Amino acid sequence: MPVHERTDCHHFSLRGDTMTIQLIFKIAAVGILVTILTQVLKHSGRDEQAFLVSLSGLFIVLSWIIPCINDLFDQIYSLFQL
């Protein structure tokens, strides 16, 4: 992907205000939801399903963060023109 294209993840700036707050809120919402579902499932004796819920929450969050990390490496690559 070329460096000038933007993805869902907004690029970082020196001020730090363009790091999207929406992504942080989405991650927090998934974390809260996964925690509640995991606790309910554990208390009802379904430990395997609780593990699968937490694992799926991890994969969802990783699918949101990996493009941001890719953008960061692209910016570093273009900054140093490697």
PDB file of N, CA and C in Angstrom:
ATOM      1  N   MET A   1       0.849  -1.156   0.000  1.00  0.00           N
ATOM      2  CA  MET A   1       0.000   0.000   0.000  1.00  0.00           C
ATOM      3  C   MET A   1       0.905   1.232   0.000  1.00  0.00           C
ATOM      4  N   PRO A   2       0.643   2.203  -0.877  1.00  0.00           N
ATOM      5  CA  PRO A   2       1.454   3.422  -0.891  1.00  0.00           C
ATOM      6  C   PRO A   2       1.297   4.210   0.399  1.00  0.00           C
ATOM      7  N   VAL A   3       2.294   4.996   0.693  1.00  0.00           N
ATOM      8  CA  VAL A   3       2.312   5.729   1.953  1.00  0.00           C
ATOM      9  C   VAL A   3       1.233   6.799   1.999  1.00  0.00           C
ATOM     10  N   HIS A   4       0.907   7.403   0.855  1.00  0.00           N
ATOM     11  CA  HIS A   4      -0.044   8.510   0.865  1.00  0.00           C
ATOM     12  C   HIS A   4      -1.488   8.082   1.058  1.00  0.00           C
ATOM     13  N   GLU A   5      -1.791   6.801   0.924  1.00  0.00           N
ATOM     14  CA  GLU A   5      -3.159   6.328   1.139  1.00  0.00           C
ATOM     15  C   GLU A   5      -3.432   6.228   2.631  1.00  0.00           C
ATOM     16  N   ARG A   6      -4.648   6.584   2.998  1.00  0.00           N
ATOM     17  CA  ARG A   6      -5.032   6.512   4.404  1.00  0.00           C
ATOM     18  C   ARG A   6      -5.961   5.329   4.616  1.00  0.00           C
ATOM     19  N   THR A   7      -5.820   4.689   5.730  1.00  0.00           N
ATOM     20  CA  THR A   7      -6.705   3.591   6.104  1.00  0.00           C
ATOM     21  C   THR A   7      -7.620   4.073   7.215  1.00  0.00           C
ATOM     22  N   ASP A   8      -8.274   3.142   7.900  1.00  0.00           N
ATOM     23  CA  ASP A   8      -9.127   3.489   9.022  1.00  0.00           C
ATOM     24  C   ASP A   8      -8.348   4.173  10.141  1.00  0.00           C
ATOM     25  N   CYS A   9      -7.114   3.805  10.268  1.00  0.00           N
ATOM     26  CA  CYS A   9      -6.275   4.359  11.316  1.00  0.00           C
ATOM     27  C   CYS A   9      -5.728   5.703  10.859  1.00  0.00           C
ATOM     28  N   HIS A  10      -6.021   6.741  11.620  1.00  0.00           N
ATOM     29  CA  HIS A  10      -5.515   8.059  11.274  1.00  0.00           C
ATOM     30  C   HIS A  10      -4.040   8.138  11.626  1.00  0.00           C
ATOM     31  N   HIS A  11      -3.326   8.929  10.878  1.00  0.00           N
ATOM     32  CA  HIS A  11      -1.892   9.023  11.083  1.00  0.00           C
ATOM     33  C   HIS A  11      -1.577   9.824  12.334  1.00  0.00           C
ATOM     34  N   PHE A  12      -0.438   9.516  12.908  1.00  0.00           N
ATOM     35  CA  PHE A  12       0.007  10.193  14.110  1.00  0.00           C
ATOM     36  C   PHE A  12       0.638  11.530  13.745  1.00  0.00           C
ATOM     37  N   SER A  13       0.524  12.480  14.614  1.00  0.00           N
ATOM     38  CA  SER A  13       1.180  13.767  14.407  1.00  0.00           C
ATOM     39  C   SER A  13       2.006  14.086  15.640  1.00  0.00           C
ATOM     40  N   LEU A  14       2.746  15.154  15.555  1.00  0.00           N
ATOM     41  CA  LEU A  14       3.567  15.542  16.690  1.00  0.00           C
ATOM     42  C   LEU A  14       2.713  15.977  17.869  1.00  0.00           C
ATOM     43  N   ARG A  15       1.557  16.539  17.588  1.00  0.00           N
ATOM     44  CA  ARG A  15       0.666  16.967  18.671  1.00  0.00           C
ATOM     45  C   ARG A  15      -0.025  15.781  19.327  1.00  0.00           C
ATOM     46  N   GLY A  16      -0.191  14.690  18.620  1.00  0.00           N
ATOM     47  CA  GLY A  16      -0.812  13.504  19.178  1.00  0.00           C
ATOM     48  C   GLY A  16      -2.327  13.527  19.171  1.00  0.00           C
ATOM     49  N   ASP A  17      -2.935  14.589  18.618  1.00  0.00           N
ATOM     50  CA  ASP A  17      -4.388  14.687  18.671  1.00  0.00           C
ATOM     51  C   ASP A  17      -5.070  13.993  17.499  1.00  0.00           C
ATOM     52  N   THR A  18      -4.326  13.539  16.506  1.00  0.00           N
ATOM     53  CA  THR A  18      -4.978  12.870  15.390  1.00  0.00           C
ATOM     54  C   THR A  18      -5.063  11.358  15.587  1.00  0.00           C
ATOM     55  N   MET A  19      -4.469  10.859  16.646  1.00  0.00           N
ATOM     56  CA  MET A  19      -4.680   9.452  16.970  1.00  0.00           C
ATOM     57  C   MET A  19      -6.153   9.312  17.297  1.00  0.00           C
ATOM     58  N   THR A  20      -6.814   8.496  16.565  1.00  0.00           N
ATOM     59  CA  THR A  20      -8.267   8.469  16.647  1.00  0.00           C
ATOM     60  C   THR A  20      -8.760   7.994  18.008  1.00  0.00           C
ATOM     61  N   ILE A  21      -9.628   8.792  18.570  1.00  0.00           N
ATOM     62  CA  ILE A  21     -10.250   8.462  19.843  1.00  0.00           C
ATOM     63  C   ILE A  21     -11.285   7.361  19.639  1.00  0.00           C
ATOM     64  N   GLN A  22     -11.853   7.312  18.447  1.00  0.00           N
ATOM     65  CA  GLN A  22     -12.848   6.282  18.158  1.00  0.00           C
ATOM     66  C   GLN A  22     -12.264   4.892  18.302  1.00  0.00           C
ATOM     67  N   LEU A  23     -11.014   4.710  17.851  1.00  0.00           N
ATOM     68  CA  LEU A  23     -10.372   3.403  17.969  1.00  0.00           C
ATOM     69  C   LEU A  23     -10.187   3.028  19.437  1.00  0.00           C
ATOM     70  N   ILE A  24      -9.808   3.988  20.253  1.00  0.00           N
ATOM     71  CA  ILE A  24      -9.634   3.726  21.684  1.00  0.00           C
ATOM     72  C   ILE A  24     -10.969   3.366  22.326  1.00  0.00           C
ATOM     73  N   PHE A  25     -12.031   4.085  21.953  1.00  0.00           N
ATOM     74  CA  PHE A  25     -13.349   3.767  22.498  1.00  0.00           C
ATOM     75  C   PHE A  25     -13.849   2.403  22.029  1.00  0.00           C
ATOM     76  N   LYS A  26     -13.562   2.060  20.769  1.00  0.00           N
ATOM     77  CA  LYS A  26     -13.960   0.732  20.272  1.00  0.00           C
ATOM     78  C   LYS A  26     -13.248  -0.371  21.044  1.00  0.00           C
ATOM     79  N   ILE A  27     -11.956  -0.189  21.272  1.00  0.00           N
ATOM     80  CA  ILE A  27     -11.180  -1.197  22.005  1.00  0.00           C
ATOM     81  C   ILE A  27     -11.701  -1.319  23.434  1.00  0.00           C
ATOM     82  N   ALA A  28     -12.008  -0.176  24.052  1.00  0.00           N
ATOM     83  CA  ALA A  28     -12.546  -0.204  25.413  1.00  0.00           C
ATOM     84  C   ALA A  28     -13.904  -0.891  25.456  1.00  0.00           C
ATOM     85  N   ALA A  29     -14.748  -0.624  24.454  1.00  0.00           N
ATOM     86  CA  ALA A  29     -16.073  -1.252  24.423  1.00  0.00           C
ATOM     87  C   ALA A  29     -15.964  -2.762  24.260  1.00  0.00           C
ATOM     88  N   VAL A  30     -15.069  -3.193  23.384  1.00  0.00           N
ATOM     89  CA  VAL A  30     -14.873  -4.642  23.214  1.00  0.00           C
ATOM     90  C   VAL A  30     -14.328  -5.244  24.495  1.00  0.00           C
ATOM     91  N   GLY A  31     -13.417  -4.545  25.150  1.00  0.00           N
ATOM     92  CA  GLY A  31     -12.864  -5.055  26.406  1.00  0.00           C
ATOM     93  C   GLY A  31     -13.923  -5.200  27.484  1.00  0.00           C
ATOM     94  N   ILE A  32     -14.786  -4.210  27.607  1.00  0.00           N
ATOM     95  CA  ILE A  32     -15.858  -4.273  28.609  1.00  0.00           C
ATOM     96  C   ILE A  32     -16.827  -5.396  28.278  1.00  0.00           C
ATOM     97  N   LEU A  33     -17.217  -5.489  27.009  1.00  0.00           N
ATOM     98  CA  LEU A  33     -18.157  -6.534  26.596  1.00  0.00           C
ATOM     99  C   LEU A  33     -17.578  -7.935  26.802  1.00  0.00           C
ATOM    100  N   VAL A  34     -16.325  -8.102  26.424  1.00  0.00           N
ATOM    101  CA  VAL A  34     -15.675  -9.411  26.585  1.00  0.00           C
ATOM    102  C   VAL A  34     -15.549  -9.763  28.069  1.00  0.00           C
ATOM    103  N   THR A  35     -15.217  -8.788  28.892  1.00  0.00           N
ATOM    104  CA  THR A  35     -15.093  -9.045  30.328  1.00  0.00           C
ATOM    105  C   THR A  35     -16.421  -9.475  30.932  1.00  0.00           C
ATOM    106  N   ILE A  36     -17.486  -8.788  30.574  1.00  0.00           N
ATOM    107  CA  ILE A  36     -18.806  -9.144  31.117  1.00  0.00           C
ATOM    108  C   ILE A  36     -19.220 -10.537  30.651  1.00  0.00           C
ATOM    109  N   LEU A  37     -19.076 -10.791  29.336  1.00  0.00           N
ATOM    110  CA  LEU A  37     -19.459 -12.113  28.829  1.00  0.00           C
ATOM    111  C   LEU A  37     -18.608 -13.224  29.426  1.00  0.00           C
ATOM    112  N   THR A  38     -17.321 -12.966  29.590  1.00  0.00           N
ATOM    113  CA  THR A  38     -16.435 -13.975  30.166  1.00  0.00           C
ATOM    114  C   THR A  38     -16.822 -14.284  31.608  1.00  0.00           C
ATOM    115  N   GLN A  39     -17.123 -13.255  32.379  1.00  0.00           N
ATOM    116  CA  GLN A  39     -17.511 -13.485  33.772  1.00  0.00           C
ATOM    117  C   GLN A  39     -18.832 -14.240  33.874  1.00  0.00           C
ATOM    118  N   VAL A  40     -19.780 -13.889  33.031  1.00  0.00           N
ATOM    119  CA  VAL A  40     -21.066 -14.597  33.049  1.00  0.00           C
ATOM    120  C   VAL A  40     -20.872 -16.062  32.674  1.00  0.00           C
ATOM    121  N   LEU A  41     -20.081 -16.303  31.642  1.00  0.00           N
ATOM    122  CA  LEU A  41     -19.860 -17.685  31.223  1.00  0.00           C
ATOM    123  C   LEU A  41     -19.072 -18.479  32.253  1.00  0.00           C
ATOM    124  N   LYS A  42     -18.091 -17.864  32.896  1.00  0.00           N
ATOM    125  CA  LYS A  42     -17.319 -18.579  33.922  1.00  0.00           C
ATOM    126  C   LYS A  42     -18.181 -18.928  35.126  1.00  0.00           C
ATOM    127  N   HIS A  43     -19.054 -18.019  35.535  1.00  0.00           N
ATOM    128  CA  HIS A  43     -19.910 -18.291  36.690  1.00  0.00           C
ATOM    129  C   HIS A  43     -20.980 -19.323  36.383  1.00  0.00           C
ATOM    130  N   SER A  44     -21.288 -19.504  35.108  1.00  0.00           N
ATOM    131  CA  SER A  44     -22.251 -20.540  34.759  1.00  0.00           C
ATOM    132  C   SER A  44     -21.566 -21.862  34.426  1.00  0.00           C
ATOM    133  N   GLY A  45     -20.249 -21.916  34.607  1.00  0.00           N
ATOM    134  CA  GLY A  45     -19.525 -23.171  34.428  1.00  0.00           C
ATOM    135  C   GLY A  45     -19.123 -23.466  32.996  1.00  0.00           C
ATOM    136  N   ARG A  46     -19.124 -22.505  32.148  1.00  0.00           N
ATOM    137  CA  ARG A  46     -18.751 -22.703  30.741  1.00  0.00           C
ATOM    138  C   ARG A  46     -17.398 -22.034  30.467  1.00  0.00           C
ATOM    139  N   ASP A  47     -16.369 -22.625  31.027  1.00  0.00           N
ATOM    140  CA  ASP A  47     -15.035 -22.046  30.913  1.00  0.00           C
ATOM    141  C   ASP A  47     -14.505 -22.073  29.484  1.00  0.00           C
ATOM    142  N   GLU A  48     -14.848 -23.102  28.725  1.00  0.00           N
ATOM    143  CA  GLU A  48     -14.356 -23.194  27.346  1.00  0.00           C
ATOM    144  C   GLU A  48     -14.936 -22.083  26.482  1.00  0.00           C
ATOM    145  N   GLN A  49     -16.226 -21.818  26.636  1.00  0.00           N
ATOM    146  CA  GLN A  49     -16.841 -20.747  25.872  1.00  0.00           C
ATOM    147  C   GLN A  49     -16.301 -19.385  26.313  1.00  0.00           C
ATOM    148  N   ALA A  50     -16.005 -19.230  27.597  1.00  0.00           N
ATOM    149  CA  ALA A  50     -15.422 -17.986  28.095  1.00  0.00           C
ATOM    150  C   ALA A  50     -14.057 -17.743  27.463  1.00  0.00           C
ATOM    151  N   PHE A  51     -13.276 -18.798  27.332  1.00  0.00           N
ATOM    152  CA  PHE A  51     -11.976 -18.677  26.688  1.00  0.00           C
ATOM    153  C   PHE A  51     -12.129 -18.283  25.222  1.00  0.00           C
ATOM    154  N   LEU A  52     -13.089 -18.886  24.533  1.00  0.00           N
ATOM    155  CA  LEU A  52     -13.305 -18.562  23.125  1.00  0.00           C
ATOM    156  C   LEU A  52     -13.782 -17.124  22.937  1.00  0.00           C
ATOM    157  N   VAL A  53     -14.592 -16.623  23.865  1.00  0.00           N
ATOM    158  CA  VAL A  53     -15.044 -15.236  23.789  1.00  0.00           C
ATOM    159  C   VAL A  53     -13.865 -14.292  23.959  1.00  0.00           C
ATOM    160  N   SER A  54     -13.005 -14.567  24.924  1.00  0.00           N
ATOM    161  CA  SER A  54     -11.851 -13.695  25.128  1.00  0.00           C
ATOM    162  C   SER A  54     -10.866 -13.787  23.968  1.00  0.00           C
ATOM    163  N   LEU A  55     -10.714 -14.949  23.392  1.00  0.00           N
ATOM    164  CA  LEU A  55      -9.835 -15.110  22.238  1.00  0.00           C
ATOM    165  C   LEU A  55     -10.387 -14.383  21.018  1.00  0.00           C
ATOM    166  N   SER A  56     -11.696 -14.444  20.816  1.00  0.00           N
ATOM    167  CA  SER A  56     -12.291 -13.727  19.685  1.00  0.00           C
ATOM    168  C   SER A  56     -12.198 -12.216  19.882  1.00  0.00           C
ATOM    169  N   GLY A  57     -12.340 -11.741  21.119  1.00  0.00           N
ATOM    170  CA  GLY A  57     -12.152 -10.320  21.395  1.00  0.00           C
ATOM    171  C   GLY A  57     -10.744  -9.869  21.085  1.00  0.00           C
ATOM    172  N   LEU A  58      -9.775 -10.704  21.400  1.00  0.00           N
ATOM    173  CA  LEU A  58      -8.381 -10.390  21.083  1.00  0.00           C
ATOM    174  C   LEU A  58      -8.168 -10.289  19.582  1.00  0.00           C
ATOM    175  N   PHE A  59      -8.735 -11.203  18.828  1.00  0.00           N
ATOM    176  CA  PHE A  59      -8.578 -11.175  17.373  1.00  0.00           C
ATOM    177  C   PHE A  59      -9.263  -9.956  16.750  1.00  0.00           C
ATOM    178  N   ILE A  60     -10.401  -9.572  17.287  1.00  0.00           N
ATOM    179  CA  ILE A  60     -11.095  -8.385  16.770  1.00  0.00           C
ATOM    180  C   ILE A  60     -10.239  -7.144  16.982  1.00  0.00           C
ATOM    181  N   VAL A  61      -9.703  -6.987  18.194  1.00  0.00           N
ATOM    182  CA  VAL A  61      -8.878  -5.818  18.490  1.00  0.00           C
ATOM    183  C   VAL A  61      -7.591  -5.838  17.666  1.00  0.00           C
ATOM    184  N   LEU A  62      -6.988  -6.991  17.503  1.00  0.00           N
ATOM    185  CA  LEU A  62      -5.779  -7.078  16.675  1.00  0.00           C
ATOM    186  C   LEU A  62      -6.061  -6.709  15.226  1.00  0.00           C
ATOM    187  N   SER A  63      -7.238  -7.066  14.736  1.00  0.00           N
ATOM    188  CA  SER A  63      -7.567  -6.720  13.351  1.00  0.00           C
ATOM    189  C   SER A  63      -7.736  -5.208  13.187  1.00  0.00           C
ATOM    190  N   TRP A  64      -8.042  -4.488  14.261  1.00  0.00           N
ATOM    191  CA  TRP A  64      -8.126  -3.035  14.197  1.00  0.00           C
ATOM    192  C   TRP A  64      -6.765  -2.373  14.366  1.00  0.00           C
ATOM    193  N   ILE A  65      -5.890  -2.980  15.161  1.00  0.00           N
ATOM    194  CA  ILE A  65      -4.611  -2.348  15.491  1.00  0.00           C
ATOM    195  C   ILE A  65      -3.544  -2.603  14.434  1.00  0.00           C
ATOM    196  N   ILE A  66      -3.567  -3.758  13.801  1.00  0.00           N
ATOM    197  CA  ILE A  66      -2.519  -4.096  12.832  1.00  0.00           C
ATOM    198  C   ILE A  66      -2.417  -3.080  11.694  1.00  0.00           C
ATOM    199  N   PRO A  67      -3.519  -2.557  11.118  1.00  0.00           N
ATOM    200  CA  PRO A  67      -3.357  -1.506  10.104  1.00  0.00           C
ATOM    201  C   PRO A  67      -2.679  -0.248  10.644  1.00  0.00           C
ATOM    202  N   CYS A  68      -2.932   0.082  11.903  1.00  0.00           N
ATOM    203  CA  CYS A  68      -2.278   1.251  12.496  1.00  0.00           C
ATOM    204  C   CYS A  68      -0.779   1.024  12.627  1.00  0.00           C
ATOM    205  N   ILE A  69      -0.395  -0.161  13.029  1.00  0.00           N
ATOM    206  CA  ILE A  69       1.029  -0.477  13.142  1.00  0.00           C
ATOM    207  C   ILE A  69       1.670  -0.476  11.759  1.00  0.00           C
ATOM    208  N   ASN A  70       0.965  -0.973  10.771  1.00  0.00           N
ATOM    209  CA  ASN A  70       1.466  -0.951   9.397  1.00  0.00           C
ATOM    210  C   ASN A  70       1.663   0.483   8.917  1.00  0.00           C
ATOM    211  N   ASP A  71       0.705   1.367   9.201  1.00  0.00           N
ATOM    212  CA  ASP A  71       0.846   2.781   8.841  1.00  0.00           C
ATOM    213  C   ASP A  71       2.047   3.410   9.528  1.00  0.00           C
ATOM    214  N   LEU A  72       2.250   3.063  10.791  1.00  0.00           N
ATOM    215  CA  LEU A  72       3.390   3.605  11.524  1.00  0.00           C
ATOM    216  C   LEU A  72       4.706   3.191  10.874  1.00  0.00           C
ATOM    217  N   PHE A  73       4.825   1.917  10.499  1.00  0.00           N
ATOM    218  CA  PHE A  73       6.051   1.462   9.848  1.00  0.00           C
ATOM    219  C   PHE A  73       6.217   2.093   8.465  1.00  0.00           C
ATOM    220  N   ASP A  74       5.110   2.301   7.759  1.00  0.00           N
ATOM    221  CA  ASP A  74       5.201   2.988   6.468  1.00  0.00           C
ATOM    222  C   ASP A  74       5.703   4.418   6.636  1.00  0.00           C
ATOM    223  N   GLN A  75       5.231   5.094   7.674  1.00  0.00           N
ATOM    224  CA  GLN A  75       5.690   6.456   7.923  1.00  0.00           C
ATOM    225  C   GLN A  75       7.163   6.493   8.297  1.00  0.00           C
ATOM    226  N   ILE A  76       7.587   5.545   9.114  1.00  0.00           N
ATOM    227  CA  ILE A  76       9.003   5.474   9.483  1.00  0.00           C
ATOM    228  C   ILE A  76       9.841   5.169   8.251  1.00  0.00           C
ATOM    229  N   TYR A  77       9.334   4.268   7.423  1.00  0.00           N
ATOM    230  CA  TYR A  77      10.036   3.917   6.188  1.00  0.00           C
ATOM    231  C   TYR A  77      10.180   5.137   5.278  1.00  0.00           C
ATOM    232  N   SER A  78       9.117   5.910   5.132  1.00  0.00           N
ATOM    233  CA  SER A  78       9.190   7.091   4.270  1.00  0.00           C
ATOM    234  C   SER A  78      10.003   8.222   4.888  1.00  0.00           C
ATOM    235  N   LEU A  79       9.999   8.301   6.218  1.00  0.00           N
ATOM    236  CA  LEU A  79      10.776   9.329   6.906  1.00  0.00           C
ATOM    237  C   LEU A  79      12.268   9.139   6.671  1.00  0.00           C
ATOM    238  N   PHE A  80      12.719   7.922   6.798  1.00  0.00           N
ATOM    239  CA  PHE A  80      14.135   7.638   6.599  1.00  0.00           C
ATOM    240  C   PHE A  80      14.457   7.238   5.156  1.00  0.00           C
ATOM    241  N   GLN A  81      13.429   7.158   4.317  1.00  0.00           N
ATOM    242  CA  GLN A  81      13.555   6.808   2.907  1.00  0.00           C
ATOM    243  C   GLN A  81      14.405   5.557   2.703  1.00  0.00           C
ATOM    244  N   LEU A  82      13.989   4.505   3.418  1.00  0.00           N
ATOM    245  CA  LEU A  82      14.718   3.233   3.343  1.00  0.00           C
ATOM    246  C   LEU A  82      14.274   2.422   2.148  1.00  0.00           C
TER     247      LEU A  82
END
